[in-house]
Amino acid sequence: MHYGITTEATDFTKAGMKDWRVRLLKAILFFIPRANPDHERLYPQVRFWALELDEEGWPQREVGLDAARKALFCAPDARNTGFWPDMARTQFAKSEVEAISENAFAALWNDAGGGE
Protein backbone atom coordinates (compact mmCIF):
# COMPACT_ATOMS: atom_id res chain seq x y z
CA MET A 1 0.00 0.00 0.00
CA HIS A 2 0.99 3.60 -0.46
CA TYR A 3 -0.70 6.77 0.73
CA GLY A 4 -1.17 10.21 -0.72
CA ILE A 5 -3.22 13.37 -0.94
CA THR A 6 -4.91 14.66 -4.08
CA THR A 7 -6.99 17.68 -5.00
CA GLU A 8 -8.80 15.81 -7.78
CA ALA A 9 -12.61 15.99 -7.54
CA THR A 10 -12.66 18.89 -5.08
CA ASP A 11 -14.84 21.17 -7.19
CA PHE A 12 -18.26 20.21 -5.83
CA THR A 13 -20.43 23.18 -4.85
CA LYS A 14 -23.56 23.43 -2.71
CA ALA A 15 -25.37 25.05 -5.64
CA GLY A 16 -24.29 22.27 -7.97
CA MET A 17 -25.46 19.62 -5.54
CA LYS A 18 -28.90 21.32 -5.37
CA ASP A 19 -29.21 21.89 -9.12
CA TRP A 20 -32.64 20.88 -10.42
CA ARG A 21 -31.07 18.35 -12.79
CA VAL A 22 -29.26 16.61 -9.93
CA ARG A 23 -32.44 16.59 -7.84
CA LEU A 24 -34.44 15.25 -10.79
CA LEU A 25 -31.95 12.45 -11.39
CA LYS A 26 -32.01 11.51 -7.70
CA ALA A 27 -35.82 11.48 -7.77
CA ILE A 28 -35.92 9.27 -10.85
CA LEU A 29 -33.37 6.87 -9.38
CA PHE A 30 -34.76 6.92 -5.83
CA PHE A 31 -35.09 3.13 -5.77
CA ILE A 32 -31.36 2.57 -6.35
CA PRO A 33 -29.40 2.77 -3.10
CA ARG A 34 -26.96 5.68 -3.03
CA ALA A 35 -23.28 4.84 -2.70
CA ASN A 36 -22.49 7.52 -0.09
CA PRO A 37 -25.71 8.66 1.62
CA ASP A 38 -23.96 10.12 4.66
CA HIS A 39 -21.07 11.82 2.89
CA GLU A 40 -22.48 13.35 -0.32
CA ARG A 41 -23.66 16.48 1.48
CA LEU A 42 -20.08 17.10 2.67
CA TYR A 43 -18.48 16.97 -0.79
CA PRO A 44 -18.61 20.79 -1.25
CA GLN A 45 -16.39 21.12 1.86
CA VAL A 46 -13.75 18.66 0.59
CA ARG A 47 -10.56 20.40 -0.60
CA PHE A 48 -8.24 17.39 -0.35
CA TRP A 49 -8.61 13.61 -0.40
CA ALA A 50 -6.24 11.42 1.62
CA LEU A 51 -6.10 8.05 -0.13
CA GLU A 52 -4.86 4.58 0.67
CA LEU A 53 -3.81 3.05 -2.66
CA ASP A 54 -2.94 -0.53 -3.43
CA GLU A 55 0.31 -1.30 -5.26
CA GLU A 56 -1.40 -0.75 -8.64
CA GLY A 57 -2.76 2.65 -7.58
CA TRP A 58 -6.40 1.69 -6.99
CA PRO A 59 -8.05 3.57 -4.07
CA GLN A 60 -8.94 1.31 -1.15
CA ARG A 61 -9.84 3.84 1.54
CA GLU A 62 -10.33 7.60 1.61
CA VAL A 63 -10.58 10.50 4.02
CA GLY A 64 -12.25 13.72 2.88
CA LEU A 65 -10.35 16.74 4.20
CA ASP A 66 -11.39 20.39 4.49
CA ALA A 67 -9.25 23.41 3.56
CA ALA A 68 -7.30 23.11 6.83
CA ARG A 69 -6.74 19.39 6.10
CA LYS A 70 -9.03 18.43 8.96
CA ALA A 71 -10.82 15.10 8.49
CA LEU A 72 -14.51 15.39 7.55
CA PHE A 73 -15.34 11.72 6.95
CA CYS A 74 -13.77 8.42 5.95
CA ALA A 75 -14.92 5.56 3.75
CA PRO A 76 -15.70 2.84 3.08
CA ASP A 77 -17.82 2.06 6.09
CA ALA A 78 -21.05 0.20 6.81
CA ARG A 79 -23.25 2.63 4.81
CA ASN A 80 -20.87 4.39 2.41
CA THR A 81 -18.76 2.79 -0.30
CA GLY A 82 -16.56 5.85 -0.69
CA PHE A 83 -16.18 8.30 -3.57
CA TRP A 84 -12.84 6.99 -4.85
CA PRO A 85 -13.14 3.28 -4.00
CA ASP A 86 -16.50 3.23 -5.81
CA MET A 87 -15.03 4.68 -9.04
CA ALA A 88 -13.51 1.53 -10.49
CA ARG A 89 -11.77 3.34 -13.35
CA THR A 90 -9.70 5.84 -11.38
CA GLN A 91 -6.14 4.70 -10.78
CA PHE A 92 -3.37 6.91 -9.38
CA ALA A 93 0.34 6.79 -10.10
CA LYS A 94 2.55 7.58 -7.10
CA SER A 95 3.61 10.77 -8.86
CA GLU A 96 -0.02 11.97 -9.02
CA VAL A 97 -0.45 12.24 -5.25
CA GLU A 98 1.40 14.11 -2.50
CA ALA A 99 2.94 11.24 -0.54
CA ILE A 100 2.07 10.85 3.14
CA SER A 101 3.08 8.14 5.58
CA GLU A 102 0.93 5.21 6.61
CA ASN A 103 0.88 6.68 10.14
CA ALA A 104 -0.33 10.06 8.85
CA PHE A 105 -3.14 8.35 6.93
CA ALA A 106 -4.04 6.24 9.99
CA ALA A 107 -4.24 9.39 12.14
CA LEU A 108 -6.58 11.06 9.62
CA TRP A 109 -8.67 7.87 9.38
CA ASN A 110 -8.99 7.75 13.17
CA ASP A 111 -9.80 11.48 13.36
CA ALA A 112 -12.66 10.88 10.93
CA GLY A 113 -14.06 8.08 13.07
CA GLY A 114 -12.64 5.15 11.14
CA GLY A 115 -10.98 3.63 14.16
CA GLU A 116 -14.24 3.05 16.01
C-alpha atoms as a PDB file:
ATOM      1  CA  MET A   1       0.000   0.000   0.000  1.00  0.00           C
ATOM      2  CA  HIS A   2       0.986   3.597  -0.463  1.00  0.00           C
ATOM      3  CA  TYR A   3      -0.695   6.770   0.732  1.00  0.00           C
ATOM      4  CA  GLY A   4      -1.172  10.208  -0.716  1.00  0.00           C
ATOM      5  CA  ILE A   5      -3.222  13.366  -0.944  1.00  0.00           C
ATOM      6  CA  THR A   6      -4.908  14.656  -4.080  1.00  0.00           C
ATOM      7  CA  THR A   7      -6.990  17.684  -5.000  1.00  0.00           C
ATOM      8  CA  GLU A   8      -8.800  15.813  -7.783  1.00  0.00           C
ATOM      9  CA  ALA A   9     -12.614  15.991  -7.539  1.00  0.00           C
ATOM     10  CA  THR A  10     -12.658  18.890  -5.082  1.00  0.00           C
ATOM     11  CA  ASP A  11     -14.838  21.166  -7.187  1.00  0.00           C
ATOM     12  CA  PHE A  12     -18.264  20.209  -5.825  1.00  0.00           C
ATOM     13  CA  THR A  13     -20.433  23.185  -4.850  1.00  0.00           C
ATOM     14  CA  LYS A  14     -23.562  23.435  -2.715  1.00  0.00           C
ATOM     15  CA  ALA A  15     -25.373  25.053  -5.640  1.00  0.00           C
ATOM     16  CA  GLY A  16     -24.293  22.269  -7.970  1.00  0.00           C
ATOM     17  CA  MET A  17     -25.462  19.617  -5.535  1.00  0.00           C
ATOM     18  CA  LYS A  18     -28.897  21.318  -5.369  1.00  0.00           C
ATOM     19  CA  ASP A  19     -29.213  21.895  -9.118  1.00  0.00           C
ATOM     20  CA  TRP A  20     -32.642  20.878 -10.425  1.00  0.00           C
ATOM     21  CA  ARG A  21     -31.067  18.349 -12.793  1.00  0.00           C
ATOM     22  CA  VAL A  22     -29.256  16.609  -9.929  1.00  0.00           C
ATOM     23  CA  ARG A  23     -32.439  16.592  -7.837  1.00  0.00           C
ATOM     24  CA  LEU A  24     -34.441  15.249 -10.788  1.00  0.00           C
ATOM     25  CA  LEU A  25     -31.952  12.450 -11.395  1.00  0.00           C
ATOM     26  CA  LYS A  26     -32.014  11.505  -7.701  1.00  0.00           C
ATOM     27  CA  ALA A  27     -35.820  11.479  -7.772  1.00  0.00           C
ATOM     28  CA  ILE A  28     -35.920   9.275 -10.853  1.00  0.00           C
ATOM     29  CA  LEU A  29     -33.368   6.872  -9.384  1.00  0.00           C
ATOM     30  CA  PHE A  30     -34.759   6.920  -5.834  1.00  0.00           C
ATOM     31  CA  PHE A  31     -35.088   3.128  -5.773  1.00  0.00           C
ATOM     32  CA  ILE A  32     -31.362   2.573  -6.351  1.00  0.00           C
ATOM     33  CA  PRO A  33     -29.399   2.766  -3.098  1.00  0.00           C
ATOM     34  CA  ARG A  34     -26.965   5.684  -3.032  1.00  0.00           C
ATOM     35  CA  ALA A  35     -23.279   4.841  -2.700  1.00  0.00           C
ATOM     36  CA  ASN A  36     -22.492   7.515  -0.089  1.00  0.00           C
ATOM     37  CA  PRO A  37     -25.711   8.657   1.616  1.00  0.00           C
ATOM     38  CA  ASP A  38     -23.964  10.123   4.659  1.00  0.00           C
ATOM     39  CA  HIS A  39     -21.068  11.819   2.888  1.00  0.00           C
ATOM     40  CA  GLU A  40     -22.483  13.348  -0.318  1.00  0.00           C
ATOM     41  CA  ARG A  41     -23.663  16.477   1.482  1.00  0.00           C
ATOM     42  CA  LEU A  42     -20.078  17.096   2.667  1.00  0.00           C
ATOM     43  CA  TYR A  43     -18.475  16.969  -0.794  1.00  0.00           C
ATOM     44  CA  PRO A  44     -18.606  20.788  -1.246  1.00  0.00           C
ATOM     45  CA  GLN A  45     -16.391  21.122   1.863  1.00  0.00           C
ATOM     46  CA  VAL A  46     -13.746  18.664   0.593  1.00  0.00           C
ATOM     47  CA  ARG A  47     -10.561  20.397  -0.603  1.00  0.00           C
ATOM     48  CA  PHE A  48      -8.243  17.385  -0.348  1.00  0.00           C
ATOM     49  CA  TRP A  49      -8.609  13.610  -0.399  1.00  0.00           C
ATOM     50  CA  ALA A  50      -6.236  11.417   1.618  1.00  0.00           C
ATOM     51  CA  LEU A  51      -6.102   8.051  -0.131  1.00  0.00           C
ATOM     52  CA  GLU A  52      -4.863   4.581   0.668  1.00  0.00           C
ATOM     53  CA  LEU A  53      -3.811   3.055  -2.657  1.00  0.00           C
ATOM     54  CA  ASP A  54      -2.943  -0.527  -3.431  1.00  0.00           C
ATOM     55  CA  GLU A  55       0.309  -1.302  -5.260  1.00  0.00           C
ATOM     56  CA  GLU A  56      -1.399  -0.753  -8.637  1.00  0.00           C
ATOM     57  CA  GLY A  57      -2.758   2.651  -7.580  1.00  0.00           C
ATOM     58  CA  TRP A  58      -6.402   1.689  -6.986  1.00  0.00           C
ATOM     59  CA  PRO A  59      -8.046   3.570  -4.068  1.00  0.00           C
ATOM     60  CA  GLN A  60      -8.942   1.307  -1.151  1.00  0.00           C
ATOM     61  CA  ARG A  61      -9.839   3.838   1.544  1.00  0.00           C
ATOM     62  CA  GLU A  62     -10.334   7.602   1.607  1.00  0.00           C
ATOM     63  CA  VAL A  63     -10.580  10.497   4.019  1.00  0.00           C
ATOM     64  CA  GLY A  64     -12.251  13.719   2.885  1.00  0.00           C
ATOM     65  CA  LEU A  65     -10.346  16.745   4.195  1.00  0.00           C
ATOM     66  CA  ASP A  66     -11.394  20.387   4.494  1.00  0.00           C
ATOM     67  CA  ALA A  67      -9.252  23.411   3.562  1.00  0.00           C
ATOM     68  CA  ALA A  68      -7.297  23.106   6.831  1.00  0.00           C
ATOM     69  CA  ARG A  69      -6.739  19.387   6.096  1.00  0.00           C
ATOM     70  CA  LYS A  70      -9.029  18.427   8.961  1.00  0.00           C
ATOM     71  CA  ALA A  71     -10.821  15.096   8.488  1.00  0.00           C
ATOM     72  CA  LEU A  72     -14.508  15.391   7.552  1.00  0.00           C
ATOM     73  CA  PHE A  73     -15.340  11.718   6.953  1.00  0.00           C
ATOM     74  CA  CYS A  74     -13.775   8.421   5.953  1.00  0.00           C
ATOM     75  CA  ALA A  75     -14.925   5.563   3.754  1.00  0.00           C
ATOM     76  CA  PRO A  76     -15.699   2.837   3.076  1.00  0.00           C
ATOM     77  CA  ASP A  77     -17.821   2.060   6.093  1.00  0.00           C
ATOM     78  CA  ALA A  78     -21.046   0.198   6.807  1.00  0.00           C
ATOM     79  CA  ARG A  79     -23.250   2.631   4.813  1.00  0.00           C
ATOM     80  CA  ASN A  80     -20.875   4.387   2.412  1.00  0.00           C
ATOM     81  CA  THR A  81     -18.755   2.788  -0.296  1.00  0.00           C
ATOM     82  CA  GLY A  82     -16.562   5.853  -0.688  1.00  0.00           C
ATOM     83  CA  PHE A  83     -16.181   8.297  -3.571  1.00  0.00           C
ATOM     84  CA  TRP A  84     -12.839   6.990  -4.854  1.00  0.00           C
ATOM     85  CA  PRO A  85     -13.138   3.277  -4.004  1.00  0.00           C
ATOM     86  CA  ASP A  86     -16.500   3.232  -5.814  1.00  0.00           C
ATOM     87  CA  MET A  87     -15.033   4.681  -9.039  1.00  0.00           C
ATOM     88  CA  ALA A  88     -13.508   1.525 -10.495  1.00  0.00           C
ATOM     89  CA  ARG A  89     -11.771   3.344 -13.350  1.00  0.00           C
ATOM     90  CA  THR A  90      -9.702   5.841 -11.383  1.00  0.00           C
ATOM     91  CA  GLN A  91      -6.144   4.702 -10.782  1.00  0.00           C
ATOM     92  CA  PHE A  92      -3.371   6.908  -9.377  1.00  0.00           C
ATOM     93  CA  ALA A  93       0.340   6.793 -10.096  1.00  0.00           C
ATOM     94  CA  LYS A  94       2.553   7.576  -7.096  1.00  0.00           C
ATOM     95  CA  SER A  95       3.608  10.774  -8.862  1.00  0.00           C
ATOM     96  CA  GLU A  96      -0.015  11.969  -9.017  1.00  0.00           C
ATOM     97  CA  VAL A  97      -0.450  12.244  -5.249  1.00  0.00           C
ATOM     98  CA  GLU A  98       1.397  14.107  -2.505  1.00  0.00           C
ATOM     99  CA  ALA A  99       2.943  11.243  -0.543  1.00  0.00           C
ATOM    100  CA  ILE A 100       2.073  10.848   3.135  1.00  0.00           C
ATOM    101  CA  SER A 101       3.078   8.139   5.576  1.00  0.00           C
ATOM    102  CA  GLU A 102       0.926   5.214   6.613  1.00  0.00           C
ATOM    103  CA  ASN A 103       0.883   6.676  10.137  1.00  0.00           C
ATOM    104  CA  ALA A 104      -0.329  10.060   8.853  1.00  0.00           C
ATOM    105  CA  PHE A 105      -3.143   8.346   6.933  1.00  0.00           C
ATOM    106  CA  ALA A 106      -4.036   6.236   9.991  1.00  0.00           C
ATOM    107  CA  ALA A 107      -4.239   9.392  12.137  1.00  0.00           C
ATOM    108  CA  LEU A 108      -6.581  11.062   9.619  1.00  0.00           C
ATOM    109  CA  TRP A 109      -8.666   7.866   9.384  1.00  0.00           C
ATOM    110  CA  ASN A 110      -8.994   7.754  13.173  1.00  0.00           C
ATOM    111  CA  ASP A 111      -9.798  11.477  13.358  1.00  0.00           C
ATOM    112  CA  ALA A 112     -12.656  10.883  10.925  1.00  0.00           C
ATOM    113  CA  GLY A 113     -14.057   8.084  13.067  1.00  0.00           C
ATOM    114  CA  GLY A 114     -12.636   5.149  11.139  1.00  0.00           C
ATOM    115  CA  GLY A 115     -10.975   3.629  14.164  1.00  0.00           C
ATOM    116  CA  GLU A 116     -14.237   3.055  16.009  1.00  0.00           C
END
